[in-house]
Structures are given as structure tokens and as C-alpha cells.
Protein backbone atom coordinates (compact mmCIF):
# COMPACT_ATOMS: atom_id res chain seq x y z
CA MET A 1 17.43 22.66 50.25
CA PRO A 2 16.46 19.13 51.29
CA GLN A 3 13.27 19.32 49.19
CA HIS A 4 15.37 19.72 46.04
CA TYR A 5 17.59 16.67 46.52
CA ASP A 6 15.72 14.54 43.97
CA ILE A 7 15.71 17.30 41.35
CA ALA A 8 19.18 18.70 41.97
CA ASP A 9 20.36 18.15 38.37
CA LYS A 10 17.33 19.95 36.91
CA LEU A 11 17.72 22.76 39.42
CA ILE A 12 21.40 23.22 38.58
CA GLU A 13 20.59 23.38 34.87
CA ALA A 14 17.88 25.97 35.56
CA PHE A 15 20.37 28.07 37.56
CA LYS A 16 22.92 27.84 34.74
CA SER A 17 20.29 28.93 32.24
CA CYS A 18 19.30 31.92 34.40
CA ILE A 19 22.91 32.95 34.92
CA GLU A 20 23.60 32.76 31.19
CA LYS A 21 20.49 34.86 30.48
CA ILE A 22 21.66 37.52 32.94
CA HIS A 23 25.19 37.54 31.48
CA LEU A 24 23.74 38.10 28.02
CA ASN A 25 21.21 40.68 29.27
CA PRO A 26 22.60 42.38 32.42
CA GLU A 27 19.85 44.99 32.35
CA LEU A 28 17.38 42.25 33.38
CA TYR A 29 19.03 41.88 36.76
CA GLU A 30 18.52 45.53 37.61
CA SER A 31 14.87 45.50 36.55
CA GLU A 32 13.81 42.38 38.45
CA SER A 33 13.07 42.03 42.15
CA LYS A 34 15.88 41.60 44.64
CA ALA A 35 16.34 38.92 47.28
CA VAL A 36 14.31 38.93 50.46
CA TYR A 37 17.48 39.05 52.55
CA GLY A 38 18.09 42.71 51.81
CA MET A 39 14.53 43.61 52.76
CA MET A 40 14.86 41.82 56.08
CA ALA A 41 17.73 44.10 57.03
CA ASP A 42 15.27 47.01 56.95
CA ILE A 43 12.94 45.52 59.58
CA PRO A 44 13.47 47.64 62.70
CA ASP A 45 12.50 44.95 65.25
CA GLU A 46 15.13 42.20 65.32
CA ALA A 47 12.75 39.89 67.20
CA VAL A 48 10.44 39.80 64.16
CA THR A 49 13.33 38.82 61.90
CA GLU A 50 14.57 36.13 64.29
CA GLU A 51 11.07 34.65 64.67
CA PHE A 52 10.56 34.59 60.91
CA LEU A 53 13.94 32.95 60.28
CA ALA A 54 13.33 30.28 62.94
CA PHE A 55 9.94 29.46 61.39
CA PHE A 56 11.36 29.52 57.85
CA MET A 57 14.26 27.19 58.70
CA ASP A 58 11.92 24.77 60.52
CA GLU A 59 9.73 24.58 57.45
CA ILE A 60 12.62 24.15 55.03
CA TYR A 61 14.24 21.33 56.93
CA ARG A 62 11.04 19.48 57.64
CA TYR A 63 11.90 16.95 54.97
CA ARG A 64 9.02 14.82 53.77
CA GLU A 65 9.57 11.95 51.39
């Protein structure tokens, strides 16, 4: 995401740490919450999903320095 550009190295290290933790403890993955993307597939009205995604993407790419 554009907001993470300045902290990309720290973010990558955090991802690596999380991945290592899950590899060492795979049961943690099953017990934690899942991504929002799967939940969005269950929304019956596609217009709601499209509106949310348009708003979400606008907010993400509104880069402020």
C-alpha cells in the first residue's frame, strides 16, 4: 500500500516473523480470524460490495505525505 512505502523494510520483517510463527505453530492459523475477502463473497447484494471496494480503494490510494 502507498502508506507503507516508508516502512516497507519493517513491514517485510514483520510478515516474515508472522510466517515463521505460523510455520512453527500451524494450529494458530486455524484458530485466528480469516481475511475479509472471504466474508465479502457472502454478501448477497453485489452493489454493496462494489460500493465498499470503491470507497476502500479511494481511501487506500489517497496518499498523504
